[in-house]
N, C-alpha and C. Protein backbone atom coordinates (compact mmCIF):
# COMPACT_ATOMS: atom_id res chain seq x y z
N MET A 1 -78.97 -24.71 37.03
CA MET A 1 -78.15 -25.52 36.13
C MET A 1 -76.80 -24.82 35.95
N ASP A 2 -75.78 -25.61 35.88
CA ASP A 2 -74.43 -25.09 35.68
C ASP A 2 -74.31 -24.46 34.30
N ASN A 3 -73.80 -23.23 34.23
CA ASN A 3 -73.65 -22.52 32.97
C ASN A 3 -72.76 -23.29 32.00
N LYS A 4 -71.75 -23.98 32.50
CA LYS A 4 -70.87 -24.76 31.64
C LYS A 4 -71.65 -25.86 30.93
N LEU A 5 -72.56 -26.49 31.64
CA LEU A 5 -73.37 -27.54 31.03
C LEU A 5 -74.31 -26.98 29.98
N GLU A 6 -74.81 -25.78 30.20
CA GLU A 6 -75.65 -25.14 29.20
C GLU A 6 -74.85 -24.85 27.94
N GLU A 7 -73.61 -24.42 28.09
CA GLU A 7 -72.74 -24.16 26.93
C GLU A 7 -72.45 -25.45 26.17
N ILE A 8 -72.20 -26.53 26.90
CA ILE A 8 -71.96 -27.82 26.25
C ILE A 8 -73.20 -28.25 25.48
N ALA A 9 -74.37 -28.05 26.06
CA ALA A 9 -75.63 -28.40 25.38
C ALA A 9 -75.78 -27.58 24.10
N ASP A 10 -75.41 -26.31 24.13
CA ASP A 10 -75.47 -25.47 22.93
C ASP A 10 -74.53 -26.00 21.85
N ILE A 11 -73.33 -26.39 22.24
CA ILE A 11 -72.37 -26.93 21.28
C ILE A 11 -72.90 -28.22 20.67
N GLN A 12 -73.50 -29.07 21.49
CA GLN A 12 -74.08 -30.31 20.97
C GLN A 12 -75.20 -30.02 19.96
N GLU A 13 -76.01 -29.03 20.23
CA GLU A 13 -77.08 -28.67 19.30
C GLU A 13 -76.51 -28.24 17.96
N VAL A 14 -75.43 -27.46 17.98
CA VAL A 14 -74.78 -27.04 16.74
C VAL A 14 -74.25 -28.26 15.99
N LEU A 15 -73.60 -29.15 16.69
CA LEU A 15 -73.05 -30.35 16.06
C LEU A 15 -74.15 -31.24 15.50
N PHE A 16 -75.26 -31.38 16.22
CA PHE A 16 -76.39 -32.17 15.72
C PHE A 16 -76.96 -31.53 14.45
N ALA A 17 -77.05 -30.21 14.42
CA ALA A 17 -77.56 -29.51 13.24
C ALA A 17 -76.63 -29.72 12.05
N ILE A 18 -75.32 -29.62 12.26
CA ILE A 18 -74.36 -29.84 11.18
C ILE A 18 -74.47 -31.27 10.68
N THR A 19 -74.60 -32.21 11.59
CA THR A 19 -74.75 -33.61 11.22
C THR A 19 -75.95 -33.80 10.31
N GLU A 20 -77.07 -33.17 10.66
CA GLU A 20 -78.28 -33.27 9.85
C GLU A 20 -78.09 -32.61 8.49
N ILE A 21 -77.44 -31.46 8.47
CA ILE A 21 -77.22 -30.73 7.21
C ILE A 21 -76.42 -31.56 6.22
N ILE A 22 -75.44 -32.31 6.70
CA ILE A 22 -74.62 -33.11 5.79
C ILE A 22 -75.26 -34.45 5.45
N GLY A 23 -76.47 -34.67 5.96
CA GLY A 23 -77.22 -35.88 5.60
C GLY A 23 -76.88 -37.10 6.42
N SER A 24 -76.41 -36.90 7.61
CA SER A 24 -76.06 -38.01 8.48
C SER A 24 -76.97 -38.01 9.70
N ILE A 25 -76.72 -38.94 10.60
CA ILE A 25 -77.50 -39.00 11.84
C ILE A 25 -76.54 -39.08 13.03
N LYS A 26 -77.04 -38.68 14.19
CA LYS A 26 -76.21 -38.66 15.40
C LYS A 26 -75.59 -40.02 15.68
N GLU A 27 -76.36 -41.08 15.47
CA GLU A 27 -75.87 -42.42 15.78
C GLU A 27 -74.68 -42.81 14.91
N GLU A 28 -74.70 -42.40 13.64
CA GLU A 28 -73.58 -42.70 12.75
C GLU A 28 -72.32 -42.00 13.22
N VAL A 29 -72.46 -40.73 13.59
CA VAL A 29 -71.32 -39.97 14.10
C VAL A 29 -70.80 -40.60 15.38
N ASN A 30 -71.71 -41.01 16.24
CA ASN A 30 -71.30 -41.63 17.51
C ASN A 30 -70.58 -42.95 17.26
N ASN A 31 -71.04 -43.73 16.29
CA ASN A 31 -70.36 -44.99 15.97
C ASN A 31 -68.94 -44.73 15.47
N ILE A 32 -68.76 -43.69 14.66
CA ILE A 32 -67.43 -43.32 14.18
C ILE A 32 -66.56 -42.89 15.36
N ARG A 33 -67.14 -42.10 16.27
CA ARG A 33 -66.40 -41.65 17.46
C ARG A 33 -65.93 -42.84 18.28
N ILE A 34 -66.80 -43.80 18.48
CA ILE A 34 -66.44 -45.00 19.26
C ILE A 34 -65.34 -45.78 18.57
N SER A 35 -65.45 -45.94 17.26
CA SER A 35 -64.43 -46.67 16.50
C SER A 35 -63.07 -45.99 16.62
N LYS A 36 -63.05 -44.67 16.45
CA LYS A 36 -61.79 -43.94 16.57
C LYS A 36 -61.23 -44.03 18.00
N ASN A 37 -62.13 -43.99 18.96
CA ASN A 37 -61.73 -44.11 20.36
C ASN A 37 -61.05 -45.45 20.59
N ASN A 38 -61.63 -46.52 20.05
CA ASN A 38 -61.06 -47.85 20.22
C ASN A 38 -59.69 -47.99 19.55
N LYS A 39 -59.51 -47.32 18.40
CA LYS A 39 -58.25 -47.42 17.66
C LYS A 39 -57.16 -46.50 18.23
N ARG A 40 -57.55 -45.28 18.61
CA ARG A 40 -56.56 -44.27 18.96
C ARG A 40 -56.62 -43.81 20.41
N GLY A 41 -57.64 -44.23 21.11
CA GLY A 41 -57.79 -43.77 22.49
C GLY A 41 -58.68 -42.55 22.55
N ALA A 42 -59.09 -42.22 23.75
CA ALA A 42 -60.01 -41.11 23.97
C ALA A 42 -59.26 -39.91 24.51
N PHE A 43 -60.01 -38.91 24.89
CA PHE A 43 -59.46 -37.67 25.39
C PHE A 43 -59.39 -37.68 26.92
N THR A 44 -59.38 -38.84 27.52
CA THR A 44 -59.43 -38.94 28.98
C THR A 44 -58.20 -38.37 29.67
N LYS A 45 -57.05 -38.41 29.00
CA LYS A 45 -55.83 -37.87 29.60
C LYS A 45 -55.65 -36.39 29.28
N ARG A 46 -56.53 -35.84 28.47
CA ARG A 46 -56.53 -34.42 28.10
C ARG A 46 -55.21 -33.97 27.49
N ILE A 47 -54.63 -34.83 26.68
CA ILE A 47 -53.40 -34.50 25.97
C ILE A 47 -53.78 -33.91 24.62
N LEU A 48 -53.23 -32.74 24.31
CA LEU A 48 -53.54 -32.05 23.06
C LEU A 48 -52.35 -32.08 22.12
N LEU A 49 -52.63 -32.28 20.84
CA LEU A 49 -51.60 -32.16 19.81
C LEU A 49 -51.57 -30.68 19.41
N ILE A 50 -50.48 -30.02 19.67
CA ILE A 50 -50.35 -28.60 19.39
C ILE A 50 -49.99 -28.34 17.94
N SER A 51 -49.06 -29.13 17.41
CA SER A 51 -48.67 -28.96 16.00
C SER A 51 -48.04 -30.23 15.47
N THR A 52 -47.89 -30.25 14.18
CA THR A 52 -47.17 -31.33 13.52
C THR A 52 -46.12 -30.72 12.61
N LYS A 53 -45.15 -31.50 12.25
CA LYS A 53 -44.08 -31.00 11.40
C LYS A 53 -44.04 -31.86 10.14
N GLU A 54 -44.16 -31.20 8.99
CA GLU A 54 -44.07 -31.92 7.72
C GLU A 54 -42.62 -32.07 7.34
N GLU A 55 -42.31 -33.22 6.77
CA GLU A 55 -40.93 -33.46 6.34
C GLU A 55 -40.85 -33.54 4.86
């Protein structure tokens, strides 16, 4: 198995645990992710916001 995939699986386990701790479920988080994706787009272009400037 690719070590990178194992690391991603570990990160997902941490996120699932945090989701459970705050009293939510994976499906709810996924629905929010999909909604945000539809409104703002996904990370497919790998563009990162480095900083913002307050006025």
